Amino acid sequence: MSFHRSSSCLIVKMSGELDLSSASVFKERVDEELRKTGAANLILNLQGLDFVDSTGLGAILGRHRQITLGGGKMILTSVPPKVQSMLEMAGLFSVLQCERTDKDALQVIESPFQGGAPR
């Protein structure tokens, strides 16, 4: 994992596997970075993620719950096909927002318009 801070969010670039053996480290490190930076929004860039299991999905959902309860947004980006199929099978695309790139996600987060065209 690597961490980057933009003006409005924490960006986490994932690599390797997010499973039973790594999910707790993922949760601890992301939560620690969120506390340190005070970021209200989170982008998880999954481009380097090779595998995710149900424990890993639970860890992602936990961060989503934490961010949204705090009034922020969490967006997944660069989701590899293998991980995308896991998310689809688990029915998580209805809960988790995905964008193609980090730049696209930042535009969504920084947009003054929530969910649609300006009025």
C-alpha atoms as a PDB file:
ATOM      1  CA  MET A   1       0.000   0.000   0.000  1.00  0.00           C
ATOM      2  CA  SER A   2       1.077   3.501  -0.685  1.00  0.00           C
ATOM      3  CA  PHE A   3      -0.655   6.642   0.528  1.00  0.00           C
ATOM      4  CA  HIS A   4      -1.069  10.016  -1.162  1.00  0.00           C
ATOM      5  CA  ARG A   5      -2.956  13.042   0.104  1.00  0.00           C
ATOM      6  CA  SER A   6      -4.836  15.417  -2.166  1.00  0.00           C
ATOM      7  CA  SER A   7      -6.536  18.582  -1.007  1.00  0.00           C
ATOM      8  CA  SER A   8      -9.774  16.714  -0.349  1.00  0.00           C
ATOM      9  CA  CYS A   9      -8.972  13.059   0.268  1.00  0.00           C
ATOM     10  CA  LEU A  10      -6.624  10.209   1.021  1.00  0.00           C
ATOM     11  CA  ILE A  11      -5.635   8.061  -1.973  1.00  0.00           C
ATOM     12  CA  VAL A  12      -4.538   4.496  -1.237  1.00  0.00           C
ATOM     13  CA  LYS A  13      -2.846   2.479  -3.986  1.00  0.00           C
ATOM     14  CA  MET A  14      -3.290  -1.225  -3.337  1.00  0.00           C
ATOM     15  CA  SER A  15      -1.121  -4.106  -4.515  1.00  0.00           C
ATOM     16  CA  GLY A  16      -0.880  -7.837  -3.951  1.00  0.00           C
ATOM     17  CA  GLU A  17      -3.712  -9.626  -2.171  1.00  0.00           C
ATOM     18  CA  LEU A  18      -6.368  -8.414   0.228  1.00  0.00           C
ATOM     19  CA  ASP A  19      -7.380 -11.526   2.135  1.00  0.00           C
ATOM     20  CA  LEU A  20      -7.582 -13.092   5.588  1.00  0.00           C
ATOM     21  CA  SER A  21      -3.866 -12.648   6.189  1.00  0.00           C
ATOM     22  CA  SER A  22      -3.647  -8.999   5.074  1.00  0.00           C
ATOM     23  CA  ALA A  23      -7.073  -7.465   5.814  1.00  0.00           C
ATOM     24  CA  SER A  24      -6.256  -6.479   9.402  1.00  0.00           C
ATOM     25  CA  VAL A  25      -3.052  -4.699   8.317  1.00  0.00           C
ATOM     26  CA  PHE A  26      -5.029  -2.923   5.580  1.00  0.00           C
ATOM     27  CA  LYS A  27      -7.641  -1.738   8.092  1.00  0.00           C
ATOM     28  CA  GLU A  28      -5.063  -0.567  10.639  1.00  0.00           C
ATOM     29  CA  ARG A  29      -2.891   1.310   8.141  1.00  0.00           C
ATOM     30  CA  VAL A  30      -5.786   3.002   6.326  1.00  0.00           C
ATOM     31  CA  ASP A  31      -7.477   3.986   9.596  1.00  0.00           C
ATOM     32  CA  GLU A  32      -4.179   5.364  10.915  1.00  0.00           C
ATOM     33  CA  GLU A  33      -3.605   7.432   7.752  1.00  0.00           C
ATOM     34  CA  LEU A  34      -7.178   8.743   7.869  1.00  0.00           C
ATOM     35  CA  ARG A  35      -6.635   9.845  11.483  1.00  0.00           C
ATOM     36  CA  LYS A  36      -3.244  11.419  10.740  1.00  0.00           C
ATOM     37  CA  THR A  37      -4.409  13.339   7.692  1.00  0.00           C
ATOM     38  CA  GLY A  38      -7.932  14.165   8.842  1.00  0.00           C
ATOM     39  CA  ALA A  39      -9.158  13.243   5.348  1.00  0.00           C
ATOM     40  CA  ALA A  40     -12.924  12.997   5.002  1.00  0.00           C
ATOM     41  CA  ASN A  41     -12.822  11.177   1.648  1.00  0.00           C
ATOM     42  CA  LEU A  42     -11.052   8.021   0.497  1.00  0.00           C
ATOM     43  CA  ILE A  43     -10.023   6.737  -2.930  1.00  0.00           C
ATOM     44  CA  LEU A  44      -8.923   3.098  -3.114  1.00  0.00           C
ATOM     45  CA  ASN A  45      -6.929   2.509  -6.292  1.00  0.00           C
ATOM     46  CA  LEU A  46      -7.102  -1.258  -6.846  1.00  0.00           C
ATOM     47  CA  GLN A  47      -5.000  -1.438 -10.016  1.00  0.00           C
ATOM     48  CA  GLY A  48      -2.250  -3.525  -8.376  1.00  0.00           C
ATOM     49  CA  LEU A  49      -4.616  -5.794  -6.452  1.00  0.00           C
ATOM     50  CA  ASP A  50      -4.356  -9.392  -7.689  1.00  0.00           C
ATOM     51  CA  PHE A  51      -6.899 -11.032  -5.404  1.00  0.00           C
ATOM     52  CA  VAL A  52      -9.544 -10.187  -2.823  1.00  0.00           C
ATOM     53  CA  ASP A  53     -11.517 -12.639  -0.678  1.00  0.00           C
ATOM     54  CA  SER A  54     -14.582 -12.163   1.527  1.00  0.00           C
ATOM     55  CA  THR A  55     -12.450 -10.910   4.433  1.00  0.00           C
ATOM     56  CA  GLY A  56     -10.877  -8.329   2.134  1.00  0.00           C
ATOM     57  CA  LEU A  57     -14.289  -7.266   0.849  1.00  0.00           C
ATOM     58  CA  GLY A  58     -15.411  -6.882   4.459  1.00  0.00           C
ATOM     59  CA  ALA A  59     -12.409  -4.659   5.173  1.00  0.00           C
ATOM     60  CA  ILE A  60     -13.260  -2.468   2.168  1.00  0.00           C
ATOM     61  CA  LEU A  61     -16.898  -2.253   3.278  1.00  0.00           C
ATOM     62  CA  GLY A  62     -15.799  -1.301   6.788  1.00  0.00           C
ATOM     63  CA  ARG A  63     -13.792   1.639   5.454  1.00  0.00           C
ATOM     64  CA  HIS A  64     -16.790   2.612   3.288  1.00  0.00           C
ATOM     65  CA  ARG A  65     -19.070   2.614   6.323  1.00  0.00           C
ATOM     66  CA  GLN A  66     -16.564   4.647   8.340  1.00  0.00           C
ATOM     67  CA  ILE A  67     -16.135   7.278   5.603  1.00  0.00           C
ATOM     68  CA  THR A  68     -19.842   7.653   4.775  1.00  0.00           C
ATOM     69  CA  LEU A  69     -20.857   7.873   8.440  1.00  0.00           C
ATOM     70  CA  GLY A  70     -18.428  10.782   8.682  1.00  0.00           C
ATOM     71  CA  GLY A  71     -20.123  12.500   5.736  1.00  0.00           C
ATOM     72  CA  GLY A  72     -17.429  11.677   3.179  1.00  0.00           C
ATOM     73  CA  LYS A  73     -17.220   9.657  -0.009  1.00  0.00           C
ATOM     74  CA  MET A  74     -15.254   6.513  -0.776  1.00  0.00           C
ATOM     75  CA  ILE A  75     -14.577   5.599  -4.398  1.00  0.00           C
ATOM     76  CA  LEU A  76     -12.806   2.596  -5.904  1.00  0.00           C
ATOM     77  CA  THR A  77     -10.667   3.215  -8.987  1.00  0.00           C
ATOM     78  CA  SER A  78      -8.766   1.170 -11.570  1.00  0.00           C
ATOM     79  CA  VAL A  79     -10.559  -2.035 -10.564  1.00  0.00           C
ATOM     80  CA  PRO A  80      -8.910  -5.059 -12.257  1.00  0.00           C
ATOM     81  CA  PRO A  81     -11.233  -7.567 -14.007  1.00  0.00           C
ATOM     82  CA  LYS A  82     -10.641 -10.328 -11.401  1.00  0.00           C
ATOM     83  CA  VAL A  83     -11.508  -7.996  -8.528  1.00  0.00           C
ATOM     84  CA  GLN A  84     -14.432  -6.551 -10.466  1.00  0.00           C
ATOM     85  CA  SER A  85     -15.930 -10.022 -10.846  1.00  0.00           C
ATOM     86  CA  MET A  86     -15.583 -10.600  -7.080  1.00  0.00           C
ATOM     87  CA  LEU A  87     -17.368  -7.308  -6.387  1.00  0.00           C
ATOM     88  CA  GLU A  88     -20.112  -8.230  -8.855  1.00  0.00           C
ATOM     89  CA  MET A  89     -20.584 -11.710  -7.368  1.00  0.00           C
ATOM     90  CA  ALA A  90     -20.850 -10.200  -3.892  1.00  0.00           C
ATOM     91  CA  GLY A  91     -23.385  -7.628  -5.136  1.00  0.00           C
ATOM     92  CA  LEU A  92     -21.247  -4.713  -3.968  1.00  0.00           C
ATOM     93  CA  PHE A  93     -21.495  -2.493  -7.033  1.00  0.00           C
ATOM     94  CA  SER A  94     -24.823  -1.253  -5.704  1.00  0.00           C
ATOM     95  CA  VAL A  95     -23.024  -0.064  -2.538  1.00  0.00           C
ATOM     96  CA  LEU A  96     -19.535   0.918  -3.691  1.00  0.00           C
ATOM     97  CA  GLN A  97     -18.930   3.667  -6.232  1.00  0.00           C
ATOM     98  CA  CYS A  98     -16.308   2.978  -8.900  1.00  0.00           C
ATOM     99  CA  GLU A  99     -14.568   5.340 -11.300  1.00  0.00           C
ATOM    100  CA  ARG A 100     -12.064   4.592 -14.028  1.00  0.00           C
ATOM    101  CA  THR A 101      -9.194   6.748 -12.709  1.00  0.00           C
ATOM    102  CA  ASP A 102      -8.134   8.611  -9.580  1.00  0.00           C
ATOM    103  CA  LYS A 103      -8.603  11.851 -11.502  1.00  0.00           C
ATOM    104  CA  ASP A 104     -12.225  10.917 -12.290  1.00  0.00           C
ATOM    105  CA  ALA A 105     -12.810  10.066  -8.631  1.00  0.00           C
ATOM    106  CA  LEU A 106     -11.321  13.383  -7.480  1.00  0.00           C
ATOM    107  CA  GLN A 107     -13.668  15.219  -9.846  1.00  0.00           C
ATOM    108  CA  VAL A 108     -16.653  13.397  -8.316  1.00  0.00           C
ATOM    109  CA  ILE A 109     -15.478  14.159  -4.773  1.00  0.00           C
ATOM    110  CA  GLU A 110     -14.698  17.799  -5.485  1.00  0.00           C
ATOM    111  CA  SER A 111     -17.855  18.450  -7.515  1.00  0.00           C
ATOM    112  CA  PRO A 112     -20.239  20.863  -5.792  1.00  0.00           C
ATOM    113  CA  PHE A 113     -23.145  18.982  -7.380  1.00  0.00           C
ATOM    114  CA  GLN A 114     -24.253  15.779  -5.694  1.00  0.00           C
ATOM    115  CA  GLY A 115     -25.636  13.189  -8.099  1.00  0.00           C
ATOM    116  CA  GLY A 116     -26.607  15.031 -11.212  1.00  0.00           C
ATOM    117  CA  ALA A 117     -26.685  18.141 -13.305  1.00  0.00           C
ATOM    118  CA  PRO A 118     -26.738  21.614 -11.764  1.00  0.00           C
ATOM    119  CA  ARG A 119     -30.147  23.091 -11.099  1.00  0.00           C
END
